[in-house]
């Protein structure tokens, strides 16, 4: 799995995350006829909230991002991108497990949307997400809190880095 860690995002991270988003989503958006080189970056920049975002670093270098945005009835898992050469290495699953364990401890429902046909959907299904709704572009998924088991060996979200603490 390699040497990875999460750190709180800052406003200075927006361009790196926007570029990674364009790379990661390109093939799915092209398949859906929705890729626009400028729009894919602008949408990230317009909605980037460092207070709810972490940066994934591998060996001390930028490798991805993930956001957990609190909303009225759930937290939204957003902007979860990992550099293509690191996908399938177990890092994304480990990051997701840590975030979901925290949500389980807090009794929080987690929602997300994933592009139709995206391979990421399998990751979310393996972690307990189920389909709530679909449209021609997105699949909306939800995960209810699982009973927290203190004996789980899952790395927690770093203290001080939790966006909503």
Protein backbone atom coordinates (compact mmCIF):
# COMPACT_ATOMS: atom_id res chain seq x y z
CA UNK A 1 0.00 0.00 0.00
CA UNK A 2 2.94 2.34 0.43
CA UNK A 3 3.74 5.30 2.60
CA UNK A 4 0.67 7.54 2.56
CA UNK A 5 -1.01 10.06 4.83
CA UNK A 6 -3.83 12.58 4.93
CA UNK A 7 -3.33 16.25 5.64
CA UNK A 8 -5.86 19.07 5.80
CA UNK A 9 -6.32 20.86 2.48
CA UNK A 10 -5.65 24.54 2.00
CA UNK A 11 -6.83 26.99 -0.65
CA UNK A 12 -3.43 26.54 -2.33
CA UNK A 13 -4.36 22.91 -3.18
CA UNK A 14 -7.22 23.82 -5.50
CA UNK A 15 -5.24 23.75 -8.76
CA UNK A 16 -3.61 20.39 -8.06
CA UNK A 17 -6.99 18.86 -7.17
CA UNK A 18 -8.66 20.42 -10.23
CA UNK A 19 -5.97 19.00 -12.53
CA UNK A 20 -6.23 15.54 -10.97
CA UNK A 21 -10.02 15.66 -11.30
CA UNK A 22 -9.69 16.37 -15.03
CA UNK A 23 -7.34 13.40 -15.47
CA UNK A 24 -9.33 10.94 -13.34
CA UNK A 25 -12.79 11.78 -14.72
CA UNK A 26 -11.83 12.27 -18.37
CA UNK A 27 -12.54 8.78 -19.73
CA UNK A 28 -15.87 8.44 -17.91
CA UNK A 29 -17.00 11.93 -18.91
CA UNK A 30 -15.94 11.32 -22.54
CA UNK A 31 -17.83 8.01 -22.55
CA UNK A 32 -20.92 9.88 -21.31
CA UNK A 33 -20.44 12.68 -23.86
CA UNK A 34 -19.93 15.22 -21.06
CA UNK A 35 -16.21 16.05 -21.09
CA UNK A 36 -15.32 19.72 -21.36
CA UNK A 37 -11.68 20.56 -20.62
CA UNK A 38 -12.50 23.87 -18.92
CA UNK A 39 -15.75 22.91 -17.20
CA UNK A 40 -14.27 19.87 -15.43
CA UNK A 41 -11.73 22.10 -13.70
CA UNK A 42 -14.09 25.05 -13.11
CA UNK A 43 -16.67 22.87 -11.35
CA UNK A 44 -14.01 21.75 -8.88
CA UNK A 45 -12.72 25.28 -8.32
CA UNK A 46 -16.25 26.63 -7.82
CA UNK A 47 -17.07 24.04 -5.17
CA UNK A 48 -13.70 23.54 -3.46
CA UNK A 49 -14.05 23.78 0.33
CA UNK A 50 -10.66 23.30 2.02
CA UNK A 51 -12.33 23.19 5.45
CA UNK A 52 -13.94 19.85 4.52
CA UNK A 53 -11.16 18.42 2.36
CA UNK A 54 -8.04 16.35 2.93
CA UNK A 55 -5.09 15.86 0.64
CA UNK A 56 -3.72 12.36 0.17
CA UNK A 57 0.07 12.29 0.04
CA UNK A 58 2.22 9.32 -0.90
CA UNK A 59 5.87 9.55 0.02
CA UNK A 60 5.27 13.21 0.90
CA UNK A 61 3.95 14.10 -2.59
CA UNK A 62 0.42 15.06 -3.68
CA UNK A 63 -1.47 11.94 -4.76
CA UNK A 64 -5.15 12.75 -4.34
CA UNK A 65 -7.96 14.29 -2.37
CA UNK A 66 -11.15 13.49 -0.54
CA UNK A 67 -13.85 15.70 0.96
CA UNK A 68 -16.51 14.92 3.53
CA UNK A 69 -19.01 17.77 3.51
CA UNK A 70 -21.60 17.93 6.29
CA UNK A 71 -25.18 18.48 5.16
CA UNK A 72 -28.53 18.47 6.93
CA UNK A 73 -29.23 14.73 6.79
CA UNK A 74 -25.84 13.22 5.91
CA UNK A 75 -22.21 13.85 5.03
CA UNK A 76 -21.41 13.98 1.31
CA UNK A 77 -18.29 12.16 0.16
CA UNK A 78 -16.93 14.34 -2.63
CA UNK A 79 -13.81 15.01 -4.68
CA UNK A 80 -12.34 11.59 -3.97
CA UNK A 81 -9.57 11.36 -6.55
CA UNK A 82 -6.41 9.30 -6.55
CA UNK A 83 -3.62 9.53 -9.12
CA UNK A 84 -4.19 6.83 -11.76
CA UNK A 85 -0.86 5.09 -11.12
CA UNK A 86 -1.91 4.56 -7.47
CA UNK A 87 -5.41 3.26 -8.15
CA UNK A 88 -5.77 -0.38 -7.18
CA UNK A 89 -2.94 -0.14 -4.64
CA UNK A 90 -5.24 -0.21 -1.59
CA UNK A 91 -4.72 3.44 -0.68
CA UNK A 92 -8.21 4.55 -1.76
CA UNK A 93 -9.82 1.71 0.18
CA UNK A 94 -7.80 2.55 3.29
CA UNK A 95 -8.69 6.25 3.08
CA UNK A 96 -12.37 5.39 2.61
CA UNK A 97 -12.36 2.91 5.52
CA UNK A 98 -10.90 5.54 7.85
CA UNK A 99 -13.51 8.12 6.89
CA UNK A 100 -16.38 5.66 7.12
CA UNK A 101 -15.26 4.39 10.50
CA UNK A 102 -15.39 7.94 11.80
CA UNK A 103 -18.88 8.39 10.34
CA UNK A 104 -19.95 5.09 11.95
CA UNK A 105 -18.71 6.28 15.37
CA UNK A 106 -20.72 9.48 14.91
CA UNK A 107 -23.80 7.69 13.53
CA UNK A 108 -23.62 9.68 10.29
CA UNK A 109 -25.17 8.64 6.97
CA UNK A 110 -22.82 9.13 4.00
CA UNK A 111 -24.01 9.99 0.50
CA UNK A 112 -22.16 10.32 -2.79
CA UNK A 113 -22.68 10.35 -6.49
CA UNK A 114 -20.52 8.52 -9.00
CA UNK A 115 -20.60 8.70 -12.78
CA UNK A 116 -22.53 5.91 -14.49
CA UNK A 117 -20.17 3.14 -15.54
CA UNK A 118 -17.32 4.37 -13.35
CA UNK A 119 -15.07 1.66 -11.88
CA UNK A 120 -15.14 3.61 -8.60
CA UNK A 121 -18.66 2.33 -8.02
CA UNK A 122 -17.27 -1.12 -7.14
CA UNK A 123 -15.10 0.44 -4.41
CA UNK A 124 -18.14 2.13 -2.90
CA UNK A 125 -20.25 -1.02 -3.08
CA UNK A 126 -17.49 -3.01 -1.31
CA UNK A 127 -17.71 -0.46 1.51
CA UNK A 128 -21.46 -0.78 2.00
CA UNK A 129 -22.89 1.88 -0.31
CA UNK A 130 -26.14 1.06 -2.08
CA UNK A 131 -27.89 2.76 -4.96
CA UNK A 132 -30.48 5.30 -3.95
CA UNK A 133 -31.24 6.82 -7.38
CA UNK A 134 -29.85 7.08 -10.90
CA UNK A 135 -30.07 9.50 -13.78
CA UNK A 136 -28.50 9.36 -17.24
CA UNK A 137 -25.15 10.63 -15.89
CA UNK A 138 -24.94 9.90 -12.14
CA UNK A 139 -25.57 7.08 -9.71
CA UNK A 140 -26.50 8.37 -6.25
CA UNK A 141 -25.44 6.10 -3.42
CA UNK A 142 -25.96 6.02 0.33
CA UNK A 143 -24.36 4.22 3.25
CA UNK A 144 -26.03 3.99 6.62
CA UNK A 145 -23.78 3.86 9.68
CA UNK A 146 -22.51 0.43 10.61
CA UNK A 147 -22.23 -0.50 14.28
CA UNK A 148 -18.83 0.72 15.44
CA UNK A 149 -16.42 -2.03 16.43
CA UNK A 150 -13.52 -0.70 18.49
CA UNK A 151 -11.42 -3.74 17.61
CA UNK A 152 -11.21 -2.78 13.92
CA UNK A 153 -7.69 -2.03 12.78
CA UNK A 154 -8.44 0.96 10.57
CA UNK A 155 -6.34 4.12 10.46
CA UNK A 156 -8.38 7.06 11.79
CA UNK A 157 -8.65 10.47 10.20
CA UNK A 158 -5.72 12.46 11.60
CA UNK A 159 -6.57 14.62 14.60
CA UNK A 160 -6.56 18.27 13.76
CA UNK A 161 -7.22 17.35 10.14
CA UNK A 162 -10.88 16.51 10.52
CA UNK A 163 -12.68 19.14 8.49
CA UNK A 164 -15.72 19.45 10.70
CA UNK A 165 -14.11 19.29 14.10
